PDB file of N, CA and C in Angstrom:
ATOM      1  N   THR A   1       0.851  -1.188   0.009  1.00  0.00           N
ATOM      2  CA  THR A   1      -0.021   0.001   0.024  1.00  0.00           C
ATOM      3  C   THR A   1       0.897   1.228  -0.018  1.00  0.00           C
ATOM      4  N   SER A   2       0.234   2.358  -0.251  1.00  0.00           N
ATOM      5  CA  SER A   2       1.022   3.579  -0.302  1.00  0.00           C
ATOM      6  C   SER A   2       1.541   3.948   1.091  1.00  0.00           C
ATOM      7  N   HIS A   3       2.617   4.657   1.153  1.00  0.00           N
ATOM      8  CA  HIS A   3       3.220   5.116   2.426  1.00  0.00           C
ATOM      9  C   HIS A   3       3.664   3.912   3.301  1.00  0.00           C
ATOM     10  N   THR A   4       4.102   2.836   2.706  1.00  0.00           N
ATOM     11  CA  THR A   4       4.502   1.698   3.557  1.00  0.00           C
ATOM     12  C   THR A   4       6.009   1.547   3.634  1.00  0.00           C
ATOM     13  N   ALA A   5       6.744   2.312   2.841  1.00  0.00           N
ATOM     14  CA  ALA A   5       8.200   2.215   2.939  1.00  0.00           C
ATOM     15  C   ALA A   5       8.582   2.697   4.365  1.00  0.00           C
ATOM     16  N   ARG A   6       9.511   2.009   4.968  1.00  0.00           N
ATOM     17  CA  ARG A   6       9.895   2.278   6.325  1.00  0.00           C
ATOM     18  C   ARG A   6      10.274   3.735   6.513  1.00  0.00           C
ATOM     19  N   SER A   7      11.086   4.280   5.617  1.00  0.00           N
ATOM     20  CA  SER A   7      11.535   5.676   5.751  1.00  0.00           C
ATOM     21  C   SER A   7      10.347   6.654   5.696  1.00  0.00           C
ATOM     22  N   VAL A   8       9.395   6.335   4.841  1.00  0.00           N
ATOM     23  CA  VAL A   8       8.190   7.220   4.738  1.00  0.00           C
ATOM     24  C   VAL A   8       7.392   7.104   6.036  1.00  0.00           C
ATOM     25  N   ARG A   9       7.182   5.901   6.508  1.00  0.00           N
ATOM     26  CA  ARG A   9       6.389   5.754   7.767  1.00  0.00           C
ATOM     27  C   ARG A   9       7.080   6.501   8.901  1.00  0.00           C
ATOM     28  N   ASP A  10       8.430   6.383   8.981  1.00  0.00           N
ATOM     29  CA  ASP A  10       9.123   7.098  10.056  1.00  0.00           C
ATOM     30  C   ASP A  10       8.976   8.591   9.992  1.00  0.00           C
ATOM     31  N   VAL A  11       9.091   9.181   8.770  1.00  0.00           N
ATOM     32  CA  VAL A  11       8.933  10.603   8.620  1.00  0.00           C
ATOM     33  C   VAL A  11       7.545  11.040   9.020  1.00  0.00           C
ATOM     34  N   LEU A  12       6.518  10.296   8.550  1.00  0.00           N
ATOM     35  CA  LEU A  12       5.139  10.635   8.854  1.00  0.00           C
ATOM     36  C   LEU A  12       4.894  10.529  10.345  1.00  0.00           C
ATOM     37  N   GLN A  13       5.437   9.520  10.979  1.00  0.00           N
ATOM     38  CA  GLN A  13       5.271   9.336  12.420  1.00  0.00           C
ATOM     39  C   GLN A  13       5.951  10.489  13.178  1.00  0.00           C
ATOM     40  N   ASP A  14       7.200  10.831  12.775  1.00  0.00           N
ATOM     41  CA  ASP A  14       7.927  11.929  13.438  1.00  0.00           C
ATOM     42  C   ASP A  14       7.164  13.245  13.330  1.00  0.00           C
ATOM     43  N   ARG A  15       6.393  13.432  12.289  1.00  0.00           N
ATOM     44  CA  ARG A  15       5.681  14.676  12.068  1.00  0.00           C
ATOM     45  C   ARG A  15       4.251  14.590  12.513  1.00  0.00           C
ATOM     46  N   ASN A  16       3.890  13.524  13.172  1.00  0.00           N
ATOM     47  CA  ASN A  16       2.533  13.310  13.690  1.00  0.00           C
ATOM     48  C   ASN A  16       1.476  13.397  12.565  1.00  0.00           C
ATOM     49  N   VAL A  17       1.766  12.821  11.442  1.00  0.00           N
ATOM     50  CA  VAL A  17       0.853  12.797  10.322  1.00  0.00           C
ATOM     51  C   VAL A  17       0.035  11.501  10.394  1.00  0.00           C
ATOM     52  N   SER A  18      -1.259  11.637  10.455  1.00  0.00           N
ATOM     53  CA  SER A  18      -2.127  10.457  10.435  1.00  0.00           C
ATOM     54  C   SER A  18      -2.321   9.987   8.956  1.00  0.00           C
ATOM     55  N   VAL A  19      -2.243   8.695   8.781  1.00  0.00           N
ATOM     56  CA  VAL A  19      -2.404   8.151   7.439  1.00  0.00           C
ATOM     57  C   VAL A  19      -3.606   7.188   7.499  1.00  0.00           C
ATOM     58  N   LEU A  20      -4.475   7.339   6.516  1.00  0.00           N
ATOM     59  CA  LEU A  20      -5.655   6.444   6.416  1.00  0.00           C
ATOM     60  C   LEU A  20      -5.217   5.115   5.739  1.00  0.00           C
ATOM     61  N   PRO A  21      -5.841   4.057   6.099  1.00  0.00           N
ATOM     62  CA  PRO A  21      -5.621   2.837   5.348  1.00  0.00           C
ATOM     63  C   PRO A  21      -6.042   3.063   3.890  1.00  0.00           C
ATOM     64  N   TRP A  22      -5.213   2.746   2.950  1.00  0.00           N
ATOM     65  CA  TRP A  22      -5.488   3.071   1.567  1.00  0.00           C
ATOM     66  C   TRP A  22      -5.171   1.900   0.661  1.00  0.00           C
ATOM     67  N   PRO A  23      -6.143   1.387  -0.097  1.00  0.00           N
ATOM     68  CA  PRO A  23      -5.821   0.264  -1.002  1.00  0.00           C
ATOM     69  C   PRO A  23      -4.803   0.722  -2.072  1.00  0.00           C
ATOM     70  N   ALA A  24      -3.876  -0.121  -2.365  1.00  0.00           N
ATOM     71  CA  ALA A  24      -2.763   0.189  -3.281  1.00  0.00           C
ATOM     72  C   ALA A  24      -3.262   0.372  -4.709  1.00  0.00           C
ATOM     73  N   LYS A  25      -4.213  -0.412  -5.132  1.00  0.00           N
ATOM     74  CA  LYS A  25      -4.625  -0.413  -6.560  1.00  0.00           C
ATOM     75  C   LYS A  25      -6.139  -0.159  -6.649  1.00  0.00           C
ATOM     76  N   SER A  26      -6.640   0.918  -6.098  1.00  0.00           N
ATOM     77  CA  SER A  26      -8.030   1.167  -6.183  1.00  0.00           C
ATOM     78  C   SER A  26      -8.270   2.314  -7.158  1.00  0.00           C
ATOM     79  N   PRO A  27      -8.764   2.039  -8.389  1.00  0.00           N
ATOM     80  CA  PRO A  27      -8.993   3.124  -9.375  1.00  0.00           C
ATOM     81  C   PRO A  27      -9.997   4.134  -8.897  1.00  0.00           C
ATOM     82  N   ASP A  28     -10.949   3.749  -8.090  1.00  0.00           N
ATOM     83  CA  ASP A  28     -11.958   4.661  -7.630  1.00  0.00           C
ATOM     84  C   ASP A  28     -11.373   5.735  -6.722  1.00  0.00           C
ATOM     85  N   LEU A  29     -10.298   5.373  -6.031  1.00  0.00           N
ATOM     86  CA  LEU A  29      -9.651   6.335  -5.132  1.00  0.00           C
ATOM     87  C   LEU A  29      -8.389   6.974  -5.713  1.00  0.00           C
ATOM     88  N   ASN A  30      -8.092   6.641  -6.937  1.00  0.00           N
ATOM     89  CA  ASN A  30      -6.931   7.198  -7.588  1.00  0.00           C
ATOM     90  C   ASN A  30      -7.359   8.410  -8.444  1.00  0.00           C
ATOM     91  N   LEU A  31      -7.146   9.603  -7.928  1.00  0.00           N
ATOM     92  CA  LEU A  31      -7.616  10.774  -8.576  1.00  0.00           C
ATOM     93  C   LEU A  31      -7.076  10.991  -9.984  1.00  0.00           C
ATOM     94  N   ILE A  32      -5.820  10.590 -10.201  1.00  0.00           N
ATOM     95  CA  ILE A  32      -5.262  10.820 -11.527  1.00  0.00           C
ATOM     96  C   ILE A  32      -6.034  10.020 -12.572  1.00  0.00           C
ATOM     97  N   GLU A  33      -6.584   8.896 -12.219  1.00  0.00           N
ATOM     98  CA  GLU A  33      -7.407   8.161 -13.174  1.00  0.00           C
ATOM     99  C   GLU A  33      -8.640   8.977 -13.597  1.00  0.00           C
ATOM    100  N   HIS A  34      -9.220   9.665 -12.649  1.00  0.00           N
ATOM    101  CA  HIS A  34     -10.399  10.515 -12.943  1.00  0.00           C
ATOM    102  C   HIS A  34      -9.979  11.730 -13.801  1.00  0.00           C
ATOM    103  N   VAL A  35      -8.788  12.246 -13.547  1.00  0.00           N
ATOM    104  CA  VAL A  35      -8.263  13.360 -14.339  1.00  0.00           C
ATOM    105  C   VAL A  35      -8.069  12.884 -15.808  1.00  0.00           C
ATOM    106  N   TRP A  36      -7.470  11.701 -15.971  1.00  0.00           N
ATOM    107  CA  TRP A  36      -7.271  11.169 -17.294  1.00  0.00           C
ATOM    108  C   TRP A  36      -8.654  10.945 -18.014  1.00  0.00           C
ATOM    109  N   ASP A  37      -9.633  10.512 -17.244  1.00  0.00           N
ATOM    110  CA  ASP A  37     -10.991  10.324 -17.832  1.00  0.00           C
ATOM    111  C   ASP A  37     -11.514  11.652 -18.295  1.00  0.00           C
ATOM    112  N   LEU A  38     -11.404  12.712 -17.466  1.00  0.00           N
ATOM    113  CA  LEU A  38     -11.860  14.022 -17.857  1.00  0.00           C
ATOM    114  C   LEU A  38     -11.182  14.487 -19.141  1.00  0.00           C
ATOM    115  N   LEU A  39      -9.827  14.328 -19.154  1.00  0.00           N
ATOM    116  CA  LEU A  39      -9.112  14.721 -20.356  1.00  0.00           C
ATOM    117  C   LEU A  39      -9.546  13.972 -21.589  1.00  0.00           C
ATOM    118  N   ASP A  40      -9.756  12.689 -21.398  1.00  0.00           N
ATOM    119  CA  ASP A  40     -10.204  11.851 -22.561  1.00  0.00           C
ATOM    120  C   ASP A  40     -11.509  12.402 -23.109  1.00  0.00           C
ATOM    121  N   TRP A  41     -12.497  12.653 -22.225  1.00  0.00           N
ATOM    122  CA  TRP A  41     -13.803  13.146 -22.673  1.00  0.00           C
ATOM    123  C   TRP A  41     -13.613  14.495 -23.363  1.00  0.00           C
ATOM    124  N   ARG A  42     -12.806  15.353 -22.804  1.00  0.00           N
ATOM    125  CA  ARG A  42     -12.650  16.713 -23.414  1.00  0.00           C
ATOM    126  C   ARG A  42     -11.918  16.647 -24.750  1.00  0.00           C
ATOM    127  N   VAL A  43     -10.939  15.816 -24.850  1.00  0.00           N
ATOM    128  CA  VAL A  43     -10.243  15.695 -26.121  1.00  0.00           C
ATOM    129  C   VAL A  43     -11.134  15.109 -27.184  1.00  0.00           C
ATOM    130  N   ARG A  44     -11.953  14.107 -26.825  1.00  0.00           N
ATOM    131  CA  ARG A  44     -12.881  13.542 -27.788  1.00  0.00           C
ATOM    132  C   ARG A  44     -13.937  14.574 -28.218  1.00  0.00           C
ATOM    133  N   ALA A  45     -14.391  15.385 -27.250  1.00  0.00           N
ATOM    134  CA  ALA A  45     -15.422  16.389 -27.554  1.00  0.00           C
ATOM    135  C   ALA A  45     -14.840  17.522 -28.348  1.00  0.00           C
ATOM    136  N   ARG A  46     -13.570  17.783 -28.288  1.00  0.00           N
ATOM    137  CA  ARG A  46     -12.955  18.877 -28.979  1.00  0.00           C
ATOM    138  C   ARG A  46     -13.143  18.797 -30.453  1.00  0.00           C
ATOM    139  N   GLY A  47     -12.980  17.624 -31.037  1.00  0.00           N
ATOM    140  CA  GLY A  47     -13.197  17.464 -32.476  1.00  0.00           C
ATOM    141  C   GLY A  47     -14.594  17.765 -32.873  1.00  0.00           C
ATOM    142  N   ALA A  48     -15.555  17.261 -32.100  1.00  0.00           N
ATOM    143  CA  ALA A  48     -16.962  17.528 -32.393  1.00  0.00           C
ATOM    144  C   ALA A  48     -17.261  19.047 -32.215  1.00  0.00           C
ATOM    145  N   LEU A  49     -16.647  19.659 -31.207  1.00  0.00           N
ATOM    146  CA  LEU A  49     -16.890  21.054 -30.972  1.00  0.00           C
ATOM    147  C   LEU A  49     -16.390  21.928 -32.137  1.00  0.00           C
ATOM    148  N   VAL A  50     -15.188  21.639 -32.607  1.00  0.00           N
ATOM    149  CA  VAL A  50     -14.669  22.368 -33.734  1.00  0.00           C
ATOM    150  C   VAL A  50     -15.491  22.138 -34.967  1.00  0.00           C
ATOM    151  N   GLU A  51     -15.924  20.921 -35.207  1.00  0.00           N
ATOM    152  CA  GLU A  51     -16.759  20.661 -36.359  1.00  0.00           C
ATOM    153  C   GLU A  51     -18.062  21.413 -36.302  1.00  0.00           C
ATOM    154  N   GLU A  52     -18.732  21.424 -35.114  1.00  0.00           N
ATOM    155  CA  GLU A  52     -19.997  22.113 -34.978  1.00  0.00           C
ATOM    156  C   GLU A  52     -19.836  23.622 -35.064  1.00  0.00           C
ATOM    157  N   TRP A  53     -18.706  24.110 -34.517  1.00  0.00           N
ATOM    158  CA  TRP A  53     -18.437  25.570 -34.650  1.00  0.00           C
ATOM    159  C   TRP A  53     -18.376  25.956 -36.118  1.00  0.00           C
ATOM    160  N   ASP A  54     -17.682  25.129 -36.911  1.00  0.00           N
ATOM    161  CA  ASP A  54     -17.587  25.388 -38.345  1.00  0.00           C
ATOM    162  C   ASP A  54     -18.927  25.296 -39.041  1.00  0.00           C
ATOM    163  N   ASN A  55     -19.889  24.569 -38.424  1.00  0.00           N
ATOM    164  CA  ASN A  55     -21.220  24.399 -39.079  1.00  0.00           C
ATOM    165  C   ASN A  55     -22.220  25.467 -38.735  1.00  0.00           C
ATOM    166  N   ILE A  56     -21.856  26.387 -37.816  1.00  0.00           N
ATOM    167  CA  ILE A  56     -22.756  27.494 -37.503  1.00  0.00           C
ATOM    168  C   ILE A  56     -22.791  28.456 -38.702  1.00  0.00           C
ATOM    169  N   SER A  57     -23.972  28.663 -39.206  1.00  0.00           N
ATOM    170  CA  SER A  57     -24.122  29.486 -40.408  1.00  0.00           C
ATOM    171  C   SER A  57     -24.053  30.978 -40.089  1.00  0.00           C
ATOM    172  N   GLN A  58     -23.713  31.744 -41.123  1.00  0.00           N
ATOM    173  CA  GLN A  58     -23.693  33.184 -40.992  1.00  0.00           C
ATOM    174  C   GLN A  58     -25.126  33.688 -40.638  1.00  0.00           C
ATOM    175  N   GLN A  59     -26.132  33.063 -41.187  1.00  0.00           N
ATOM    176  CA  GLN A  59     -27.522  33.453 -40.929  1.00  0.00           C
ATOM    177  C   GLN A  59     -27.867  33.239 -39.455  1.00  0.00           C
ATOM    178  N   GLU A  60     -27.436  32.134 -38.869  1.00  0.00           N
ATOM    179  CA  GLU A  60     -27.699  31.877 -37.452  1.00  0.00           C
ATOM    180  C   GLU A  60     -27.014  32.953 -36.580  1.00  0.00           C
ATOM    181  N   LEU A  61     -25.827  33.321 -36.923  1.00  0.00           N
ATOM    182  CA  LEU A  61     -25.134  34.362 -36.185  1.00  0.00           C
ATOM    183  C   LEU A  61     -25.844  35.707 -36.308  1.00  0.00           C
ATOM    184  N   GLU A  62     -26.248  36.040 -37.527  1.00  0.00           N
ATOM    185  CA  GLU A  62     -26.989  37.274 -37.767  1.00  0.00           C
ATOM    186  C   GLU A  62     -28.266  37.297 -36.991  1.00  0.00           C
ATOM    187  N   ASN A  63     -29.002  36.195 -36.971  1.00  0.00           N
ATOM    188  CA  ASN A  63     -30.278  36.107 -36.188  1.00  0.00           C
ATOM    189  C   ASN A  63     -30.000  36.361 -34.733  1.00  0.00           C
ATOM    190  N   LEU A  64     -28.932  35.829 -34.180  1.00  0.00           N
ATOM    191  CA  LEU A  64     -28.602  36.073 -32.759  1.00  0.00           C
ATOM    192  C   LEU A  64     -28.318  37.566 -32.494  1.00  0.00           C
ATOM    193  N   VAL A  65     -27.538  38.147 -33.383  1.00  0.00           N
ATOM    194  CA  VAL A  65     -27.237  39.564 -33.216  1.00  0.00           C
ATOM    195  C   VAL A  65     -28.514  40.418 -33.325  1.00  0.00           C
ATOM    196  N   GLN A  66     -29.360  40.069 -34.293  1.00  0.00           N
ATOM    197  CA  GLN A  66     -30.618  40.825 -34.433  1.00  0.00           C
ATOM    198  C   GLN A  66     -31.567  40.628 -33.280  1.00  0.00           C
ATOM    199  N   SER A  67     -31.442  39.559 -32.530  1.00  0.00           N
ATOM    200  CA  SER A  67     -32.326  39.286 -31.401  1.00  0.00           C
ATOM    201  C   SER A  67     -31.907  40.034 -30.123  1.00  0.00           C
ATOM    202  N   MET A  68     -30.731  40.654 -30.152  1.00  0.00           N
ATOM    203  CA  MET A  68     -30.213  41.285 -28.903  1.00  0.00           C
ATOM    204  C   MET A  68     -31.146  42.343 -28.362  1.00  0.00           C
ATOM    205  N   ARG A  69     -31.724  43.201 -29.209  1.00  0.00           N
ATOM    206  CA  ARG A  69     -32.675  44.253 -28.706  1.00  0.00           C
ATOM    207  C   ARG A  69     -33.817  43.598 -27.937  1.00  0.00           C
ATOM    208  N   ARG A  70     -34.421  42.531 -28.549  1.00  0.00           N
ATOM    209  CA  ARG A  70     -35.538  41.848 -27.893  1.00  0.00           C
ATOM    210  C   ARG A  70     -35.064  41.232 -26.607  1.00  0.00           C
ATOM    211  N   ARG A  71     -33.897  40.596 -26.626  1.00  0.00           N
ATOM    212  CA  ARG A  71     -33.387  39.963 -25.386  1.00  0.00           C
ATOM    213  C   ARG A  71     -33.131  40.954 -24.274  1.00  0.00           C
ATOM    214  N   CYS A  72     -32.530  42.084 -24.642  1.00  0.00           N
ATOM    215  CA  CYS A  72     -32.263  43.112 -23.618  1.00  0.00           C
ATOM    216  C   CYS A  72     -33.578  43.691 -23.051  1.00  0.00           C
ATOM    217  N   THR A  73     -34.549  43.925 -23.924  1.00  0.00           N
ATOM    218  CA  THR A  73     -35.857  44.394 -23.458  1.00  0.00           C
ATOM    219  C   THR A  73     -36.518  43.385 -22.541  1.00  0.00           C
ATOM    220  N   ALA A  74     -36.463  42.119 -22.937  1.00  0.00           N
ATOM    221  CA  ALA A  74     -37.062  41.065 -22.084  1.00  0.00           C
ATOM    222  C   ALA A  74     -36.349  40.987 -20.740  1.00  0.00           C
ATOM    223  N   GLU A  75     -35.048  41.076 -20.765  1.00  0.00           N
ATOM    224  CA  GLU A  75     -34.290  41.012 -19.512  1.00  0.00           C
ATOM    225  C   GLU A  75     -34.677  42.203 -18.618  1.00  0.00           C
ATOM    226  N   HIS A  76     -34.787  43.348 -19.204  1.00  0.00           N
ATOM    227  CA  HIS A  76     -35.136  44.572 -18.401  1.00  0.00           C
ATOM    228  C   HIS A  76     -36.531  44.393 -17.808  1.00  0.00           C
ATOM    229  N   ASN A  77     -37.476  43.986 -18.682  1.00  0.00           N
ATOM    230  CA  ASN A  77     -38.873  43.823 -18.224  1.00  0.00           C
ATOM    231  C   ASN A  77     -39.035  42.723 -17.155  1.00  0.00           C
ATOM    232  N   ALA A  78     -38.167  41.721 -17.226  1.00  0.00           N
ATOM    233  CA  ALA A  78     -38.260  40.613 -16.228  1.00  0.00           C
ATOM    234  C   ALA A  78     -37.725  41.021 -14.893  1.00  0.00           C
ATOM    235  N   ALA A  79     -36.993  42.096 -14.820  1.00  0.00           N
ATOM    236  CA  ALA A  79     -36.415  42.634 -13.567  1.00  0.00           C
ATOM    237  C   ALA A  79     -35.708  41.536 -12.784  1.00  0.00           C
ATOM    238  N   GLY A  80     -34.869  40.784 -13.428  1.00  0.00           N
ATOM    239  CA  GLY A  80     -34.143  39.750 -12.768  1.00  0.00           C
ATOM    240  C   GLY A  80     -34.836  38.358 -12.768  1.00  0.00           C
ATOM    241  N   GLY A  81     -36.054  38.327 -13.266  1.00  0.00           N
ATOM    242  CA  GLY A  81     -36.760  37.064 -13.374  1.00  0.00           C
ATOM    243  C   GLY A  81     -36.426  36.345 -14.629  1.00  0.00           C
ATOM    244  N   HIS A  82     -37.167  35.286 -14.953  1.00  0.00           N
ATOM    245  CA  HIS A  82     -36.898  34.486 -16.127  1.00  0.00           C
ATOM    246  C   HIS A  82     -37.410  35.171 -17.388  1.00  0.00           C
ATOM    247  N   THR A  83     -36.741  34.895 -18.494  1.00  0.00           N
ATOM    248  CA  THR A  83     -37.206  35.348 -19.812  1.00  0.00           C
ATOM    249  C   THR A  83     -37.299  34.082 -20.690  1.00  0.00           C
ATOM    250  N   ARG A  84     -37.884  34.266 -21.857  1.00  0.00           N
ATOM    251  CA  ARG A  84     -37.976  33.080 -22.784  1.00  0.00           C
ATOM    252  C   ARG A  84     -36.672  32.779 -23.428  1.00  0.00           C
ATOM    253  N   TYR A  85     -35.702  33.658 -23.248  1.00  0.00           N
ATOM    254  CA  TYR A  85     -34.391  33.437 -23.840  1.00  0.00           C
ATOM    255  C   TYR A  85     -33.567  32.659 -22.908  1.00  0.00           C
TER     256      TYR A  85
END
């Protein structure tokens, strides 16, 4: 298990560090495995994101820009409440 080398145990004991029992090979408790999983998902999503970004049409962007006056008016009228946007 982790922290079982005699020198490590001695240093931890000298510094009054409490160590929890920890399984040596538990992927659920190994945070780096979760980090790698996050990175994997993000890297895979990146290609799809770039592809979809490229698929946004000029007309869709223009429609969003044109809707800003309505959005701002709705936000003002809602006084902090919900809007349909």
